[in-house]
Amino acid sequence: MRVSGSEQVQKWLMGLPPETKRRVRAALKTLEASGRNLDIKALRRELEGFYRLRIGDYRIVYQFGNESNYMFGLCRLARGDL
């Protein structure tokens, strides 16, 4: 499996602090390999078919493609920001 993201998502990732960037990249590599031992949750209602990967305060929302995982977006949310 391959994880990919838009140019905007890639630029956002490059702008993260070094430690956060390392954690996000490590989680994405784990997602590519197996997805085991990650905090993944299937989303419901209007986002049904999408999944959320939690990495600290950051959330990666993605959906599966035919042969790849396609990263839909990245955001940083603290509890209660919604």
Protein backbone atom coordinates (compact mmCIF):
# COMPACT_ATOMS: atom_id res chain seq x y z
CA MET A 1 0.00 0.00 0.00
CA ARG A 2 1.08 3.55 -0.67
CA VAL A 3 0.16 6.74 1.15
CA SER A 4 -0.08 9.90 -0.92
CA GLY A 5 -1.25 13.44 -0.31
CA SER A 6 -1.91 16.64 -2.17
CA GLU A 7 0.82 19.22 -2.69
CA GLN A 8 -0.84 21.39 -0.03
CA VAL A 9 -0.70 18.53 2.51
CA GLN A 10 2.96 17.84 1.66
CA LYS A 11 3.86 21.52 2.20
CA TRP A 12 2.03 21.49 5.54
CA LEU A 13 3.94 18.40 6.59
CA MET A 14 7.27 20.02 5.67
CA GLY A 15 6.41 23.01 7.88
CA LEU A 16 5.88 20.96 11.04
CA PRO A 17 8.36 21.11 13.92
CA PRO A 18 11.06 18.41 13.55
CA GLU A 19 9.81 16.11 16.34
CA THR A 20 6.20 16.32 15.20
CA LYS A 21 7.22 15.72 11.59
CA ARG A 22 9.16 12.62 12.67
CA ARG A 23 6.13 11.24 14.56
CA VAL A 24 3.76 11.90 11.65
CA ARG A 25 6.10 10.33 9.09
CA ALA A 26 6.67 7.27 11.32
CA ALA A 27 2.89 6.83 11.66
CA LEU A 28 2.39 7.16 7.90
CA LYS A 29 5.08 4.53 7.26
CA THR A 30 3.35 2.20 9.73
CA LEU A 31 0.03 2.87 7.98
CA GLU A 32 1.65 1.96 4.64
CA ALA A 33 3.09 -1.25 6.04
CA SER A 34 0.24 -2.62 8.13
CA GLY A 35 -1.66 -0.01 10.12
CA ARG A 36 -1.26 -2.08 13.26
CA ASN A 37 -0.78 -0.42 16.65
CA LEU A 38 -2.11 2.92 15.41
CA ASP A 39 -5.03 4.93 16.78
CA ILE A 40 -7.37 4.57 13.78
CA LYS A 41 -11.11 5.11 13.88
CA ALA A 42 -13.71 4.73 11.14
CA LEU A 43 -15.68 7.95 10.72
CA ARG A 44 -19.47 8.01 10.57
CA ARG A 45 -22.37 9.94 9.08
CA GLU A 46 -21.36 12.30 6.24
CA LEU A 47 -17.72 11.10 6.50
CA GLU A 48 -18.59 7.41 6.25
CA GLY A 49 -15.90 5.63 4.24
CA PHE A 50 -13.15 7.83 5.69
CA TYR A 51 -10.82 6.99 8.56
CA ARG A 52 -9.09 9.10 11.19
CA LEU A 53 -5.51 8.46 12.32
CA ARG A 54 -4.64 10.23 15.56
CA ILE A 55 -1.06 11.31 16.27
CA GLY A 56 -1.05 13.41 19.44
CA ASP A 57 -3.05 16.59 18.73
CA TYR A 58 -2.94 15.95 14.97
CA ARG A 59 -5.52 14.06 12.94
CA ILE A 60 -5.02 12.58 9.50
CA VAL A 61 -8.26 11.89 7.65
CA TYR A 62 -7.98 9.48 4.74
CA GLN A 63 -9.85 6.96 2.66
CA PHE A 64 -8.76 3.83 0.86
CA GLY A 65 -8.32 3.93 -2.89
CA ASN A 66 -8.23 0.86 -5.13
CA GLU A 67 -4.53 0.18 -4.62
CA SER A 68 -3.50 3.01 -2.30
CA ASN A 69 -4.42 4.94 0.77
CA TYR A 70 -5.17 8.48 -0.27
CA MET A 71 -4.57 11.12 2.33
CA PHE A 72 -7.51 13.49 2.31
CA GLY A 73 -6.28 16.09 4.75
CA LEU A 74 -4.37 16.88 7.90
CA CYS A 75 -5.43 19.03 10.79
CA ARG A 76 -4.48 19.78 14.34
CA LEU A 77 -7.36 19.74 16.76
CA ALA A 78 -7.38 20.01 20.50
CA ARG A 79 -10.27 18.37 22.28
CA GLY A 80 -13.26 20.71 22.25
CA ASP A 81 -12.22 22.67 19.12
CA LEU A 82 -15.06 21.23 17.04
